[in-house]
Every structure is written in C-alpha cells, then in structure tokens.
Amino acid sequence: MDRKDRNILSILQEDATLSVNEIAERVSLSPTACWKRVQRLTQEGVIRKQVCLLDNRKLGVGVTVFVAIKTNHHDLEWLRKFAAGVRDMPEVVEFYRMSGDIDYLLKVVAPDIQGFDLVYKKLIQVVELFDVSSSFAMEELKYTTALPLDYA
C-alpha cells in the first residue's frame, strides 16, 4: 500500500459518496487508475463496505450505555448462545470479548433509561450472567469511524 492508496482511503473514510472522478482529482490520478485502486482495495478486504452514518439523537436513541459483563461460564456452547442472543438485539451496536476483569463489553444505544432497562431485561434472559454493570455516557467527546492509516 502506497501513499496514493492511503490518500484514497482517507478521503473515503470522510465521504464515501464522492465520485471516482472527485477522488481521482484530489489524489492526482486518472479516474481509471483511481477506480482500479479502489477495486483492488475492496477485493483485498481493506475496504469492507460503504455505509451511511446516521444521527442517533435524530433517530431517538440518544442515550449510550456501556455494559460490562462477567460470567462464570467459559465454554463454547455458552458463548455461541450468548453471542447469538446479543447479535439479535439491534440496540447493541458494538460487542467485544475482553481480557482482564471484564469478560464482555457492549455498547448499547437506547432512547432513555427506561428503554435501556428493556434491553437489560432481554439481555439477562439470553444466558446466565454473573455480573452486569452499566455505565451511561454523559458526553461524547470523540466519535469517529476513521481508522489511522499511518500503519498500513
């Protein structure tokens, strides 16, 4: 991956609706050469997909909750059941298996505390959990989907 590829990726991370011609102009390539690079980056899996980022507040889910989960179960069948149950919850927008004191971390969006309580009640029905600790975000200080490109 060279500087032109990184520049193309940087532009796409900021605005994937730009035409190939606009991107090509910004990175000083012909449209065909730019298109070929975008296609290669897509085929290689560097570009996974293109999506629209929506405003959570305007969609009525302005409360963000981080849910730390501890379990006494560490078998594959429990994990499969838990992961499938969590994946079926549209309010859970991120889901991680962790190292350290917490086994799983979820990022949940909800309309309000009562809305989160409904998500919590669905969550505890999926599998047996040892400890569930929820922290409500007071203020979003940084949010980006753009990845650093200096390491590519």
N, C-alpha and C. Protein backbone atom coordinates (compact mmCIF):
# COMPACT_ATOMS: atom_id res chain seq x y z
N MET A 1 0.86 -1.18 0.00
CA MET A 1 0.00 0.00 0.00
C MET A 1 0.90 1.24 0.00
N ASP A 2 0.64 2.13 -0.93
CA ASP A 2 1.46 3.32 -1.04
C ASP A 2 0.68 4.56 -0.58
N ARG A 3 1.32 5.72 -0.72
CA ARG A 3 0.72 6.98 -0.27
C ARG A 3 -0.60 7.27 -0.99
N LYS A 4 -0.66 6.97 -2.28
CA LYS A 4 -1.90 7.21 -3.04
C LYS A 4 -3.06 6.37 -2.47
N ASP A 5 -2.77 5.11 -2.17
CA ASP A 5 -3.80 4.25 -1.56
C ASP A 5 -4.27 4.84 -0.23
N ARG A 6 -3.33 5.25 0.60
CA ARG A 6 -3.69 5.82 1.90
C ARG A 6 -4.49 7.11 1.73
N ASN A 7 -4.13 7.93 0.75
CA ASN A 7 -4.90 9.16 0.48
C ASN A 7 -6.32 8.84 0.03
N ILE A 8 -6.46 7.86 -0.84
CA ILE A 8 -7.78 7.43 -1.28
C ILE A 8 -8.61 6.94 -0.09
N LEU A 9 -8.00 6.13 0.75
CA LEU A 9 -8.71 5.61 1.93
C LEU A 9 -9.10 6.73 2.88
N SER A 10 -8.21 7.68 3.06
CA SER A 10 -8.51 8.82 3.94
C SER A 10 -9.73 9.59 3.43
N ILE A 11 -9.77 9.82 2.13
CA ILE A 11 -10.90 10.54 1.53
C ILE A 11 -12.19 9.72 1.69
N LEU A 12 -12.12 8.43 1.39
CA LEU A 12 -13.31 7.58 1.50
C LEU A 12 -13.81 7.47 2.94
N GLN A 13 -12.89 7.49 3.91
CA GLN A 13 -13.32 7.43 5.31
C GLN A 13 -14.09 8.68 5.72
N GLU A 14 -13.81 9.78 5.07
CA GLU A 14 -14.51 11.03 5.38
C GLU A 14 -15.81 11.19 4.58
N ASP A 15 -15.81 10.72 3.33
CA ASP A 15 -17.00 10.88 2.49
C ASP A 15 -16.99 9.85 1.37
N ALA A 16 -17.65 8.73 1.60
CA ALA A 16 -17.68 7.65 0.62
C ALA A 16 -18.66 7.92 -0.52
N THR A 17 -19.36 9.06 -0.48
CA THR A 17 -20.30 9.38 -1.56
C THR A 17 -19.62 10.11 -2.71
N LEU A 18 -18.36 10.49 -2.54
CA LEU A 18 -17.65 11.18 -3.62
C LEU A 18 -17.51 10.27 -4.83
N SER A 19 -17.59 10.85 -6.00
CA SER A 19 -17.41 10.07 -7.23
C SER A 19 -15.93 9.72 -7.40
N VAL A 20 -15.69 8.72 -8.20
CA VAL A 20 -14.31 8.34 -8.52
C VAL A 20 -13.57 9.52 -9.14
N ASN A 21 -14.26 10.29 -9.96
CA ASN A 21 -13.62 11.45 -10.58
C ASN A 21 -13.17 12.46 -9.53
N GLU A 22 -14.00 12.71 -8.54
CA GLU A 22 -13.64 13.66 -7.48
C GLU A 22 -12.46 13.15 -6.66
N ILE A 23 -12.48 11.87 -6.33
CA ILE A 23 -11.37 11.29 -5.57
C ILE A 23 -10.09 11.33 -6.40
N ALA A 24 -10.20 10.94 -7.66
CA ALA A 24 -9.03 10.93 -8.55
C ALA A 24 -8.39 12.30 -8.63
N GLU A 25 -9.23 13.32 -8.74
CA GLU A 25 -8.71 14.68 -8.82
C GLU A 25 -7.95 15.06 -7.56
N ARG A 26 -8.50 14.68 -6.41
CA ARG A 26 -7.86 15.02 -5.12
C ARG A 26 -6.52 14.32 -4.91
N VAL A 27 -6.37 13.13 -5.49
CA VAL A 27 -5.13 12.37 -5.28
C VAL A 27 -4.22 12.39 -6.51
N SER A 28 -4.57 13.20 -7.49
CA SER A 28 -3.76 13.37 -8.72
C SER A 28 -3.57 12.06 -9.48
N LEU A 29 -4.69 11.39 -9.74
CA LEU A 29 -4.69 10.19 -10.56
C LEU A 29 -5.75 10.33 -11.64
N SER A 30 -5.64 9.53 -12.66
CA SER A 30 -6.72 9.48 -13.64
C SER A 30 -7.89 8.73 -13.00
N PRO A 31 -9.11 9.00 -13.45
CA PRO A 31 -10.25 8.28 -12.89
C PRO A 31 -10.13 6.75 -13.01
N THR A 32 -9.59 6.28 -14.13
CA THR A 32 -9.43 4.84 -14.32
C THR A 32 -8.44 4.26 -13.31
N ALA A 33 -7.31 4.92 -13.13
CA ALA A 33 -6.30 4.44 -12.18
C ALA A 33 -6.86 4.47 -10.76
N CYS A 34 -7.60 5.50 -10.43
CA CYS A 34 -8.20 5.61 -9.11
C CYS A 34 -9.23 4.48 -8.90
N TRP A 35 -10.08 4.27 -9.89
CA TRP A 35 -11.10 3.23 -9.81
C TRP A 35 -10.45 1.86 -9.60
N LYS A 36 -9.36 1.59 -10.33
CA LYS A 36 -8.66 0.31 -10.19
C LYS A 36 -8.11 0.14 -8.78
N ARG A 37 -7.59 1.21 -8.21
CA ARG A 37 -7.07 1.14 -6.84
C ARG A 37 -8.20 0.86 -5.84
N VAL A 38 -9.32 1.55 -6.01
CA VAL A 38 -10.46 1.32 -5.10
C VAL A 38 -10.94 -0.12 -5.23
N GLN A 39 -11.01 -0.63 -6.45
CA GLN A 39 -11.44 -2.02 -6.67
C GLN A 39 -10.46 -2.99 -6.02
N ARG A 40 -9.17 -2.75 -6.17
CA ARG A 40 -8.16 -3.63 -5.55
C ARG A 40 -8.26 -3.60 -4.04
N LEU A 41 -8.40 -2.41 -3.47
CA LEU A 41 -8.52 -2.28 -2.02
C LEU A 41 -9.78 -2.98 -1.50
N THR A 42 -10.82 -2.97 -2.30
CA THR A 42 -12.06 -3.67 -1.94
C THR A 42 -11.85 -5.19 -2.04
N GLN A 43 -11.25 -5.65 -3.12
CA GLN A 43 -11.00 -7.09 -3.30
C GLN A 43 -10.08 -7.64 -2.22
N GLU A 44 -9.13 -6.83 -1.80
CA GLU A 44 -8.19 -7.26 -0.75
C GLU A 44 -8.81 -7.21 0.64
N GLY A 45 -10.02 -6.66 0.75
CA GLY A 45 -10.70 -6.60 2.03
C GLY A 45 -10.33 -5.39 2.88
N VAL A 46 -9.50 -4.49 2.35
CA VAL A 46 -9.16 -3.28 3.08
C VAL A 46 -10.41 -2.42 3.22
N ILE A 47 -11.16 -2.27 2.13
CA ILE A 47 -12.46 -1.61 2.17
C ILE A 47 -13.48 -2.72 2.37
N ARG A 48 -14.08 -2.77 3.53
CA ARG A 48 -15.04 -3.85 3.84
C ARG A 48 -16.42 -3.57 3.30
N LYS A 49 -16.90 -2.34 3.47
CA LYS A 49 -18.20 -1.95 2.95
C LYS A 49 -18.34 -0.45 3.04
N GLN A 50 -19.34 0.09 2.36
CA GLN A 50 -19.63 1.51 2.43
C GLN A 50 -21.03 1.65 3.01
N VAL A 51 -21.16 2.51 4.02
CA VAL A 51 -22.43 2.67 4.73
C VAL A 51 -22.72 4.15 4.94
N CYS A 52 -23.93 4.43 5.38
CA CYS A 52 -24.30 5.78 5.83
C CYS A 52 -24.24 5.82 7.34
N LEU A 53 -23.68 6.86 7.90
CA LEU A 53 -23.67 7.04 9.34
C LEU A 53 -24.87 7.91 9.71
N LEU A 54 -25.68 7.42 10.62
CA LEU A 54 -26.91 8.09 10.99
C LEU A 54 -26.76 8.82 12.32
N ASP A 55 -27.58 9.82 12.54
CA ASP A 55 -27.57 10.60 13.78
C ASP A 55 -28.44 9.90 14.82
N ASN A 56 -27.82 9.38 15.86
CA ASN A 56 -28.57 8.62 16.86
C ASN A 56 -29.63 9.45 17.58
N ARG A 57 -29.35 10.71 17.84
CA ARG A 57 -30.33 11.55 18.53
C ARG A 57 -31.57 11.79 17.66
N LYS A 58 -31.34 12.06 16.39
CA LYS A 58 -32.47 12.31 15.49
C LYS A 58 -33.31 11.06 15.26
N LEU A 59 -32.72 9.89 15.55
CA LEU A 59 -33.45 8.64 15.43
C LEU A 59 -34.01 8.15 16.77
N GLY A 60 -33.88 8.99 17.78
CA GLY A 60 -34.49 8.67 19.07
C GLY A 60 -33.73 7.72 19.96
N VAL A 61 -32.45 7.50 19.68
CA VAL A 61 -31.63 6.63 20.54
C VAL A 61 -30.39 7.40 20.98
N GLY A 62 -30.61 8.50 21.70
CA GLY A 62 -29.54 9.40 22.10
C GLY A 62 -28.80 9.02 23.36
N VAL A 63 -29.22 7.96 24.03
CA VAL A 63 -28.54 7.52 25.26
C VAL A 63 -27.59 6.38 24.90
N THR A 64 -26.33 6.53 25.28
CA THR A 64 -25.32 5.49 25.05
C THR A 64 -24.93 4.88 26.38
N VAL A 65 -24.93 3.55 26.41
CA VAL A 65 -24.63 2.81 27.64
C VAL A 65 -23.55 1.78 27.34
N PHE A 66 -22.54 1.74 28.19
CA PHE A 66 -21.51 0.72 28.09
C PHE A 66 -21.81 -0.32 29.15
N VAL A 67 -21.94 -1.56 28.73
CA VAL A 67 -22.34 -2.64 29.62
C VAL A 67 -21.19 -3.62 29.76
N ALA A 68 -20.67 -3.74 30.98
CA ALA A 68 -19.59 -4.67 31.28
C ALA A 68 -20.20 -5.93 31.87
N ILE A 69 -19.82 -7.07 31.32
CA ILE A 69 -20.41 -8.34 31.73
C ILE A 69 -19.33 -9.29 32.20
N LYS A 70 -19.62 -9.94 33.34
CA LYS A 70 -18.77 -11.02 33.84
C LYS A 70 -19.62 -12.28 33.86
N THR A 71 -18.98 -13.39 33.56
CA THR A 71 -19.67 -14.67 33.58
C THR A 71 -18.82 -15.71 34.28
N ASN A 72 -19.48 -16.73 34.78
CA ASN A 72 -18.77 -17.89 35.34
C ASN A 72 -18.67 -19.00 34.31
N HIS A 73 -19.26 -18.79 33.15
CA HIS A 73 -19.27 -19.80 32.09
C HIS A 73 -18.26 -19.41 31.02
N HIS A 74 -17.38 -20.35 30.71
CA HIS A 74 -16.37 -20.06 29.69
C HIS A 74 -16.28 -21.21 28.68
N ASP A 75 -17.44 -21.79 28.38
CA ASP A 75 -17.47 -22.87 27.39
C ASP A 75 -18.02 -22.35 26.07
N LEU A 76 -17.70 -23.06 25.01
CA LEU A 76 -18.05 -22.64 23.66
C LEU A 76 -19.56 -22.58 23.44
N GLU A 77 -20.30 -23.53 23.97
CA GLU A 77 -21.75 -23.54 23.78
C GLU A 77 -22.40 -22.33 24.43
N TRP A 78 -21.95 -21.95 25.63
CA TRP A 78 -22.47 -20.76 26.31
C TRP A 78 -22.18 -19.52 25.46
N LEU A 79 -20.94 -19.42 24.96
CA LEU A 79 -20.55 -18.28 24.14
C LEU A 79 -21.39 -18.19 22.88
N ARG A 80 -21.62 -19.30 22.22
CA ARG A 80 -22.44 -19.29 21.00
C ARG A 80 -23.85 -18.78 21.29
N LYS A 81 -24.44 -19.26 22.36
CA LYS A 81 -25.80 -18.84 22.71
C LYS A 81 -25.83 -17.36 23.08
N PHE A 82 -24.86 -16.93 23.86
CA PHE A 82 -24.79 -15.53 24.28
C PHE A 82 -24.57 -14.62 23.08
N ALA A 83 -23.60 -14.97 22.24
CA ALA A 83 -23.29 -14.15 21.07
C ALA A 83 -24.49 -14.05 20.13
N ALA A 84 -25.18 -15.15 19.91
CA ALA A 84 -26.36 -15.13 19.03
C ALA A 84 -27.45 -14.24 19.62
N GLY A 85 -27.67 -14.34 20.92
CA GLY A 85 -28.69 -13.51 21.57
C GLY A 85 -28.36 -12.04 21.50
N VAL A 86 -27.11 -11.69 21.72
CA VAL A 86 -26.69 -10.29 21.68
C VAL A 86 -26.77 -9.76 20.25
N ARG A 87 -26.35 -10.55 19.28
CA ARG A 87 -26.40 -10.11 17.88
C ARG A 87 -27.82 -9.82 17.42
N ASP A 88 -28.81 -10.47 18.03
CA ASP A 88 -30.21 -10.25 17.67
C ASP A 88 -30.79 -8.97 18.28
N MET A 89 -30.03 -8.27 19.10
CA MET A 89 -30.51 -7.04 19.74
C MET A 89 -30.01 -5.83 18.94
N PRO A 90 -30.88 -5.14 18.21
CA PRO A 90 -30.42 -4.02 17.40
C PRO A 90 -29.86 -2.86 18.23
N GLU A 91 -30.23 -2.78 19.49
CA GLU A 91 -29.73 -1.71 20.35
C GLU A 91 -28.25 -1.89 20.69
N VAL A 92 -27.75 -3.11 20.60
CA VAL A 92 -26.33 -3.38 20.84
C VAL A 92 -25.59 -3.09 19.54
N VAL A 93 -24.82 -2.01 19.53
CA VAL A 93 -24.13 -1.60 18.31
C VAL A 93 -22.66 -2.04 18.26
N GLU A 94 -22.11 -2.41 19.40
CA GLU A 94 -20.76 -2.97 19.45
C GLU A 94 -20.73 -4.03 20.54
N PHE A 95 -19.91 -5.07 20.31
CA PHE A 95 -19.90 -6.23 21.20
C PHE A 95 -18.50 -6.84 21.16
N TYR A 96 -17.84 -6.91 22.31
CA TYR A 96 -16.46 -7.38 22.39
C TYR A 96 -16.28 -8.43 23.47
N ARG A 97 -15.42 -9.42 23.19
CA ARG A 97 -14.94 -10.34 24.22
C ARG A 97 -13.62 -9.74 24.70
N MET A 98 -13.47 -9.61 26.02
CA MET A 98 -12.37 -8.85 26.59
C MET A 98 -11.37 -9.75 27.32
N SER A 99 -10.20 -9.19 27.58
CA SER A 99 -9.27 -9.81 28.52
C SER A 99 -9.36 -9.01 29.82
N GLY A 100 -8.85 -9.56 30.90
CA GLY A 100 -8.87 -8.83 32.17
C GLY A 100 -10.08 -9.16 33.02
N ASP A 101 -10.51 -8.20 33.84
CA ASP A 101 -11.58 -8.43 34.80
C ASP A 101 -12.96 -8.56 34.18
N ILE A 102 -13.18 -7.96 33.03
CA ILE A 102 -14.47 -7.99 32.37
C ILE A 102 -14.40 -9.01 31.24
N ASP A 103 -15.43 -9.84 31.12
CA ASP A 103 -15.44 -10.85 30.06
C ASP A 103 -15.95 -10.30 28.74
N TYR A 104 -17.01 -9.46 28.79
CA TYR A 104 -17.62 -8.92 27.57
C TYR A 104 -17.97 -7.46 27.79
N LEU A 105 -17.87 -6.68 26.73
CA LEU A 105 -18.23 -5.27 26.78
C LEU A 105 -19.17 -4.97 25.62
N LEU A 106 -20.29 -4.34 25.94
CA LEU A 106 -21.29 -3.99 24.94
C LEU A 106 -21.46 -2.48 24.91
N LYS A 107 -21.67 -1.95 23.73
CA LYS A 107 -22.08 -0.56 23.58
C LYS A 107 -23.53 -0.62 23.11
N VAL A 108 -24.40 0.02 23.88
CA VAL A 108 -25.83 -0.04 23.65
C VAL A 108 -26.35 1.37 23.44
N VAL A 109 -27.27 1.53 22.49
CA VAL A 109 -27.96 2.80 22.33
C VAL A 109 -29.43 2.58 22.67
N ALA A 110 -30.02 3.59 23.32
CA ALA A 110 -31.41 3.49 23.75
C ALA A 110 -32.03 4.88 23.77
N PRO A 111 -33.35 4.95 23.79
CA PRO A 111 -33.99 6.26 23.82
C PRO A 111 -33.86 6.96 25.18
N ASP A 112 -33.82 6.17 26.25
CA ASP A 112 -33.77 6.72 27.60
C ASP A 112 -33.46 5.59 28.58
N ILE A 113 -33.47 5.88 29.86
CA ILE A 113 -33.15 4.87 30.87
C ILE A 113 -34.16 3.73 30.84
N GLN A 114 -35.42 4.05 30.67
CA GLN A 114 -36.44 3.00 30.61
C GLN A 114 -36.24 2.11 29.38
N GLY A 115 -35.87 2.72 28.28
CA GLY A 115 -35.58 1.95 27.08
C GLY A 115 -34.39 1.03 27.29
N PHE A 116 -33.37 1.52 27.98
CA PHE A 116 -32.23 0.66 28.28
C PHE A 116 -32.63 -0.48 29.20
N ASP A 117 -33.52 -0.20 30.15
CA ASP A 117 -33.97 -1.24 31.07
C ASP A 117 -34.62 -2.40 30.31
N LEU A 118 -35.33 -2.10 29.25
CA LEU A 118 -35.92 -3.17 28.43
C LEU A 118 -34.83 -4.01 27.76
N VAL A 119 -33.78 -3.34 27.29
CA VAL A 119 -32.65 -4.06 26.69
C VAL A 119 -31.99 -4.93 27.75
N TYR A 120 -31.78 -4.37 28.93
CA TYR A 120 -31.18 -5.12 30.04
C TYR A 120 -31.98 -6.38 30.34
N LYS A 121 -33.31 -6.24 30.39
CA LYS A 121 -34.16 -7.39 30.70
C LYS A 121 -34.09 -8.45 29.61
N LYS A 122 -33.96 -8.03 28.35
CA LYS A 122 -33.77 -9.01 27.27
C LYS A 122 -32.42 -9.70 27.41
N LEU A 123 -31.40 -8.91 27.76
CA LEU A 123 -30.04 -9.43 27.88
C LEU A 123 -29.94 -10.52 28.94
N ILE A 124 -30.54 -10.30 30.09
CA ILE A 124 -30.40 -11.28 31.18
C ILE A 124 -31.25 -12.53 30.95
N GLN A 125 -32.09 -12.51 29.92
CA GLN A 125 -32.85 -13.71 29.56
C GLN A 125 -32.10 -14.63 28.60
N VAL A 126 -31.05 -14.12 27.98
CA VAL A 126 -30.33 -14.88 26.96
C VAL A 126 -29.59 -16.05 27.59
N VAL A 127 -28.77 -15.77 28.59
CA VAL A 127 -27.97 -16.78 29.28
C VAL A 127 -27.77 -16.32 30.72
N GLU A 128 -27.26 -17.22 31.54
CA GLU A 128 -26.94 -16.87 32.92
C GLU A 128 -25.69 -15.99 32.93
N LEU A 129 -25.77 -14.84 33.64
CA LEU A 129 -24.65 -13.91 33.76
C LEU A 129 -24.30 -13.76 35.23
N PHE A 130 -23.02 -13.61 35.52
CA PHE A 130 -22.57 -13.45 36.90
C PHE A 130 -22.73 -12.01 37.37
N ASP A 131 -22.32 -11.05 36.53
CA ASP A 131 -22.39 -9.65 36.92
C ASP A 131 -22.58 -8.79 35.67
N VAL A 132 -23.50 -7.83 35.78
CA VAL A 132 -23.75 -6.88 34.70
C VAL A 132 -23.64 -5.48 35.29
N SER A 133 -22.75 -4.68 34.75
CA SER A 133 -22.54 -3.33 35.24
C SER A 133 -22.70 -2.36 34.07
N SER A 134 -23.60 -1.40 34.22
CA SER A 134 -23.89 -0.46 33.14
C SER A 134 -23.43 0.94 33.49
N SER A 135 -22.78 1.60 32.54
CA SER A 135 -22.34 2.98 32.71
C SER A 135 -22.92 3.81 31.58
N PHE A 136 -23.61 4.89 31.96
CA PHE A 136 -24.23 5.77 30.98
C PHE A 136 -23.25 6.87 30.58
N ALA A 137 -23.08 7.06 29.27
CA ALA A 137 -22.20 8.11 28.77
C ALA A 137 -22.86 9.46 29.04
N MET A 138 -22.13 10.34 29.67
CA MET A 138 -22.64 11.68 29.97
C MET A 138 -22.45 12.62 28.78
N GLU A 139 -21.31 12.44 28.08
CA GLU A 139 -20.99 13.32 26.96
C GLU A 139 -20.07 12.57 26.00
N GLU A 140 -20.33 12.65 24.72
CA GLU A 140 -19.46 12.06 23.71
C GLU A 140 -18.39 13.08 23.36
N LEU A 141 -17.14 12.76 23.69
CA LEU A 141 -16.04 13.69 23.47
C LEU A 141 -15.33 13.45 22.14
N LYS A 142 -15.38 12.22 21.67
CA LYS A 142 -14.82 11.90 20.36
C LYS A 142 -15.57 10.71 19.80
N TYR A 143 -15.92 10.82 18.53
CA TYR A 143 -16.53 9.71 17.82
C TYR A 143 -16.03 9.76 16.39
N THR A 144 -15.46 8.68 15.94
CA THR A 144 -15.03 8.60 14.55
C THR A 144 -15.08 7.15 14.13
N THR A 145 -15.31 6.93 12.87
CA THR A 145 -15.18 5.60 12.30
C THR A 145 -13.90 5.50 11.48
N ALA A 146 -13.20 6.63 11.34
CA ALA A 146 -11.98 6.68 10.53
C ALA A 146 -10.83 5.99 11.29
N LEU A 147 -10.17 5.08 10.63
CA LEU A 147 -9.02 4.38 11.22
C LEU A 147 -7.73 5.12 10.87
N PRO A 148 -6.71 5.04 11.75
CA PRO A 148 -5.41 5.63 11.40
C PRO A 148 -4.78 4.86 10.25
N LEU A 149 -4.20 5.57 9.32
CA LEU A 149 -3.64 4.94 8.13
C LEU A 149 -2.11 4.92 8.13
N ASP A 150 -1.50 5.42 9.19
CA ASP A 150 -0.04 5.51 9.27
C ASP A 150 0.63 4.15 9.40
N TYR A 151 -0.13 3.11 9.73
CA TYR A 151 0.46 1.79 9.98
C TYR A 151 0.30 0.85 8.80
N ALA A 152 -0.39 1.30 7.78
CA ALA A 152 -0.66 0.44 6.62
C ALA A 152 0.52 0.40 5.68
